[in-house]
Protein backbone atom coordinates (compact mmCIF):
# COMPACT_ATOMS: atom_id res chain seq x y z
CA MET A 1 16.46 -11.73 33.65
CA ALA A 2 18.11 -15.15 33.20
CA LYS A 3 14.76 -16.73 32.29
CA LYS A 4 14.13 -14.03 29.72
CA ASN A 5 17.54 -14.61 28.14
CA ILE A 6 16.96 -18.37 28.00
CA LEU A 7 13.53 -17.83 26.43
CA PHE A 8 14.96 -15.43 23.88
CA GLY A 9 17.73 -17.88 22.99
CA ALA A 10 15.20 -20.69 22.58
CA MET A 11 13.09 -18.51 20.28
CA VAL A 12 16.12 -17.66 18.14
CA LEU A 13 17.06 -21.34 17.90
CA ALA A 14 13.51 -22.34 16.99
CA PHE A 15 13.36 -19.67 14.31
CA GLY A 16 16.72 -20.83 12.93
CA LEU A 17 15.46 -24.43 12.74
CA LEU A 18 12.31 -23.26 10.95
CA VAL A 19 14.30 -21.29 8.38
CA ALA A 20 16.73 -24.18 7.88
CA GLY A 21 13.87 -26.62 7.40
CA CYS A 22 12.18 -24.38 4.82
CA ARG A 23 15.44 -23.84 2.92
CA SER A 24 16.12 -27.55 2.78
CA THR A 25 12.84 -28.19 0.93
CA VAL A 26 13.58 -25.78 -1.92
CA PRO A 27 14.58 -27.76 -5.04
CA ILE A 28 17.73 -27.05 -7.03
CA THR A 29 16.72 -24.68 -9.82
CA TYR A 30 20.02 -23.14 -10.90
CA THR A 31 21.16 -24.26 -14.35
CA ASP A 32 24.06 -23.09 -16.48
CA THR A 33 27.15 -24.66 -18.05
CA PHE A 34 27.53 -26.76 -14.91
CA ASN A 35 25.12 -29.36 -13.70
CA VAL A 36 24.73 -28.94 -9.94
CA SER A 37 24.49 -32.57 -8.89
CA ALA A 38 26.15 -35.35 -6.95
CA GLU A 39 27.82 -36.40 -10.22
CA HIS A 40 29.31 -32.95 -10.75
CA PHE A 41 30.46 -32.83 -7.13
CA ARG A 42 32.22 -36.18 -7.46
CA GLU A 43 33.80 -35.13 -10.76
CA ILE A 44 35.38 -31.97 -9.37
CA ARG A 45 36.91 -33.98 -6.53
CA ARG A 46 38.70 -36.41 -8.84
CA GLY A 47 42.42 -36.02 -9.50
CA PRO A 48 45.08 -36.21 -10.54
CA TRP A 49 45.98 -33.12 -8.54
CA GLU A 50 49.00 -30.97 -9.25
CA VAL A 51 50.85 -29.43 -6.30
CA GLU A 52 52.52 -26.07 -6.68
CA GLY A 53 54.38 -23.43 -4.72
CA ARG A 54 55.87 -23.12 -1.29
CA TRP A 55 52.49 -23.82 0.28
CA LYS A 56 51.93 -26.96 -1.85
CA THR A 57 48.53 -25.90 -3.09
CA PRO A 58 46.65 -28.77 -4.78
CA TYR A 59 44.86 -27.69 -7.95
CA ARG A 60 43.80 -29.03 -11.34
CA LEU A 61 43.89 -27.09 -14.60
CA ILE A 62 42.10 -28.64 -17.59
CA LEU A 63 42.15 -27.08 -21.05
CA ASP A 64 39.25 -28.26 -23.18
CA HIS A 65 40.32 -27.17 -26.65
CA ASP A 66 37.25 -28.66 -28.33
CA GLU A 67 34.78 -26.66 -26.27
CA LYS A 68 37.21 -23.78 -25.65
CA ILE A 69 36.87 -23.92 -21.88
CA ILE A 70 39.42 -23.53 -19.10
CA HIS A 71 38.48 -25.63 -16.07
CA ASP A 72 40.09 -24.60 -12.77
CA ARG A 73 39.51 -26.84 -9.77
CA GLY A 74 40.53 -26.71 -6.13
CA ARG A 75 40.84 -29.73 -3.83
CA GLY A 76 39.52 -29.94 -0.29
CA SER A 77 41.72 -29.87 2.81
CA ASN A 78 43.82 -32.56 4.35
CA GLN A 79 45.61 -32.45 7.72
CA GLU A 80 48.58 -30.58 6.26
CA ASP A 81 46.33 -27.68 5.29
CA MET A 82 45.16 -26.80 8.79
CA ARG A 83 47.82 -24.13 9.29
CA ASP A 84 46.54 -22.04 6.40
CA ASN A 85 42.89 -22.76 7.12
CA LEU A 86 43.26 -21.35 10.61
CA ASP A 87 45.44 -18.35 9.74
CA PHE A 88 42.71 -15.73 10.17
CA ARG A 89 45.04 -12.75 9.92
CA ILE A 90 43.84 -10.12 7.45
CA ARG A 91 45.85 -8.81 4.52
CA GLU A 92 45.27 -6.54 1.55
CA PRO A 93 46.22 -8.31 -1.69
CA SER A 94 48.88 -6.78 -3.88
CA GLU A 95 47.80 -3.81 -5.99
CA GLU A 96 49.50 -5.40 -8.98
CA TRP A 97 46.61 -7.79 -9.41
CA PHE A 98 43.77 -5.94 -7.72
CA SER A 99 44.33 -2.70 -9.55
CA GLY A 100 42.07 -0.09 -8.07
CA GLY A 101 40.90 -2.62 -5.50
CA THR A 102 41.39 -0.35 -2.51
CA GLY A 103 39.79 -1.65 0.64
CA ILE A 104 39.95 -5.36 -0.21
CA LYS A 105 40.84 -7.39 2.87
CA VAL A 106 41.34 -11.15 2.80
CA HIS A 107 42.03 -14.14 5.03
CA LEU A 108 45.82 -14.57 4.88
CA GLY A 109 45.87 -18.37 4.77
CA PHE A 110 43.61 -18.48 1.72
CA LEU A 111 45.51 -15.64 0.08
CA ARG A 112 48.77 -17.59 0.37
CA ARG A 113 47.13 -20.57 -1.27
CA TYR A 114 46.02 -18.59 -4.28
CA GLN A 115 49.28 -16.71 -4.63
CA SER A 116 51.19 -19.99 -4.91
CA VAL A 117 49.30 -21.02 -8.08
CA ARG A 118 48.32 -17.62 -9.43
CA HIS A 119 50.98 -17.49 -12.17
CA ILE A 120 49.88 -20.85 -13.59
CA LEU A 121 46.18 -20.02 -13.70
CA LEU A 122 46.74 -16.54 -15.15
CA ASP A 123 49.13 -17.84 -17.79
CA ALA A 124 46.36 -20.12 -19.06
CA THR A 125 43.88 -17.24 -18.83
CA VAL A 126 46.10 -14.95 -20.90
CA ASP A 127 47.18 -17.62 -23.40
CA HIS A 128 43.57 -18.49 -24.25
CA PRO A 129 41.70 -15.17 -24.29
CA ASP A 130 38.68 -16.56 -26.17
CA TYR A 131 38.14 -19.50 -23.79
CA ALA A 132 35.37 -19.48 -21.20
CA ILE A 133 36.47 -20.14 -17.62
CA ARG A 134 34.66 -22.55 -15.33
CA VAL A 135 35.78 -22.64 -11.70
CA SER A 136 34.84 -25.36 -9.25
CA GLY A 137 36.09 -26.69 -5.96
CA TYR A 138 35.28 -28.18 -2.61
CA SER A 139 35.97 -26.82 0.89
CA LEU A 140 39.46 -25.24 0.87
CA GLY A 141 39.56 -25.51 -2.93
CA ALA A 142 36.21 -23.75 -3.15
CA THR A 143 37.57 -20.93 -1.00
CA TRP A 144 40.90 -19.87 -2.53
CA THR A 145 39.44 -20.17 -6.06
CA GLN A 146 37.21 -17.22 -5.19
CA LEU A 147 40.37 -15.12 -5.19
CA TYR A 148 41.06 -16.28 -8.73
CA MET A 149 37.51 -15.24 -9.66
CA LEU A 150 38.11 -11.74 -8.32
CA ASP A 151 41.51 -11.55 -9.99
CA VAL A 152 39.94 -12.27 -13.38
CA VAL A 153 36.95 -9.93 -13.08
CA THR A 154 39.14 -7.03 -11.97
CA GLN A 155 41.50 -7.40 -14.91
CA TRP A 156 39.08 -8.66 -17.60
CA PRO A 157 35.58 -7.53 -16.60
CA ASP A 158 33.98 -8.95 -19.75
CA ARG A 159 35.58 -12.38 -19.51
CA ASP A 160 33.17 -15.34 -19.49
CA ILE A 161 33.85 -16.79 -16.05
CA GLU A 162 31.47 -18.67 -13.75
CA ALA A 163 31.88 -20.81 -10.64
CA ILE A 164 30.03 -23.47 -8.72
CA LEU A 165 31.66 -24.04 -5.35
CA TYR A 166 30.79 -26.71 -2.79
CA ALA A 167 30.99 -26.15 0.97
CA PRO A 168 33.34 -23.14 0.82
CA ALA A 169 34.63 -20.99 3.63
CA ASN A 170 34.53 -17.25 3.01
CA PRO A 171 37.78 -15.42 2.19
CA TRP A 172 36.62 -11.79 2.33
CA ARG A 173 36.62 -9.54 5.34
CA LYS A 174 36.03 -6.50 3.14
CA LEU A 175 35.19 -6.17 -0.55
CA PRO A 176 34.00 -3.07 -2.48
CA LYS A 177 30.38 -3.20 -3.60
CA ASN A 178 31.16 -3.20 -7.31
CA TYR A 179 33.17 -6.41 -6.87
CA GLN A 180 30.47 -7.90 -4.65
CA LYS A 181 28.01 -7.42 -7.50
CA GLU A 182 30.34 -8.93 -10.10
CA LEU A 183 31.00 -12.04 -8.03
CA LYS A 184 27.34 -12.51 -7.13
CA GLN A 185 26.40 -12.61 -10.81
CA ARG A 186 28.97 -15.30 -11.57
CA THR A 187 29.13 -17.56 -8.52
CA VAL A 188 26.94 -20.29 -7.04
CA PHE A 189 27.57 -21.75 -3.58
CA VAL A 190 26.24 -25.17 -2.63
CA CYS A 191 26.19 -25.46 1.17
CA SER A 192 24.81 -27.87 3.75
CA ILE A 193 22.59 -26.41 6.44
CA TRP A 194 24.72 -27.15 9.51
CA ASP A 195 28.15 -27.04 7.88
CA PRO A 196 30.37 -24.99 10.25
CA VAL A 197 32.92 -24.30 7.49
CA THR A 198 30.36 -22.12 5.72
CA TRP A 199 29.57 -20.15 8.90
CA MET A 200 32.56 -17.84 8.61
CA GLY A 201 30.13 -14.96 8.20
CA LEU A 202 29.81 -15.12 11.98
CA MET A 203 33.42 -13.88 12.09
CA TRP A 204 32.66 -11.14 9.55
CA PHE A 205 33.99 -13.10 6.59
CA ARG A 206 31.56 -12.90 3.67
CA ARG A 207 30.66 -14.69 0.48
CA TYR A 208 29.01 -13.16 -2.55
CA GLY A 209 26.96 -15.33 -4.86
CA HIS A 210 23.78 -17.34 -5.23
CA ASN A 211 23.26 -19.93 -2.50
CA ILE A 212 21.83 -23.42 -2.88
CA THR A 213 21.06 -25.11 0.43
CA ILE A 214 21.23 -28.89 0.70
CA GLY A 215 21.01 -31.38 3.56
CA LYS A 216 18.36 -31.98 6.18
CA TRP A 217 17.71 -29.58 9.05
CA TRP A 218 17.50 -32.42 11.57
CA ARG A 219 20.96 -33.79 10.68
CA VAL A 220 22.97 -31.70 13.09
CA PHE A 221 25.78 -34.18 13.84
CA PRO A 222 27.94 -34.88 11.97
CA ALA A 223 27.93 -31.45 10.39
CA GLN A 224 27.24 -32.48 6.76
CA HIS A 225 30.54 -31.15 5.43
CA PHE A 226 32.27 -34.42 4.54
CA PRO A 227 32.21 -35.53 0.89
CA ASN A 228 29.96 -38.56 1.39
CA GLN A 229 27.46 -36.38 3.25
CA MET A 230 27.54 -33.70 0.55
CA ALA A 231 26.99 -36.28 -2.19
CA ARG A 232 24.09 -37.82 -0.28
CA ALA A 233 22.46 -34.43 0.23
CA LEU A 234 22.83 -33.58 -3.45
CA GLU A 235 21.25 -36.88 -4.47
CA GLU A 236 18.32 -36.12 -2.17
CA LYS A 237 17.80 -32.75 -3.77
CA LYS A 238 17.64 -33.44 -7.46
CA GLN A 239 16.10 -31.03 -9.92
C-alpha cells in the first residue's frame, strides 16, 4: 500500500510539473488599457505611498484628469503586515456596501485593510462618475484591492473598472456566482508558477479572473514571488 501511495504521489507531481512547464511557455496575449509587462509591474510598485487608517494600509490614488482615469494601487507587504496577512478568520462584509451580497465570506485580515481606505477610494469614485477606474497592485496590495473591485461592481454594475494584479493572494472563501462572473470579466492575475502566496486556493480561498502564468517551472526555490523575480519573469515572457 505504501508503494502505491508513493507511486501515486510521484505521478501527481510529474503531472503538475508537466502542466506548469506547458503554462510557462504560453506567451502573454492579454491587452487592454494596461500593458502587462515588467515596466508596468515596476510602475505600480513606485511610491509615494499614502498610509491610512488604524491598520496603516499603504495605497496610492492617482487622478488623471486629462484621460479621465482613476488609478488605485496597492503596495506589497512588509514585516509589519504579517499580522493581517495571516489572519485567516472568515467574516461577512457589511451589508451597507455589499447590498444583496448574501453569502460573501472574506479573509478578515484583507477585509480590515480595505475597510481602512474604503472611504477615500469611494469618495474619488463618487466624485468622478465619468472616470474609468484602473486597479493594480502587488502581493498584499493586489489582494485587498479585489475587495474594492467587488465594492464597485455591486454598487455601480456598469462602471468601467478593470484590474491587473501581480502575485495576489485570494481573499474570497465564498462569493455568489453572479459576482464571480463580474470579477472574471474585469480582472487579470499575473502569477509565477511556484509562488506560494497564490496557492491560497488550497485553503479554499479563491480568485476570479483571467490568469497569466510567468516564471520557469524548474525555478522552484526561491519561490518567484519577490519583485526582482517577478520582473525577470515578465521580461522573459514578452508579447
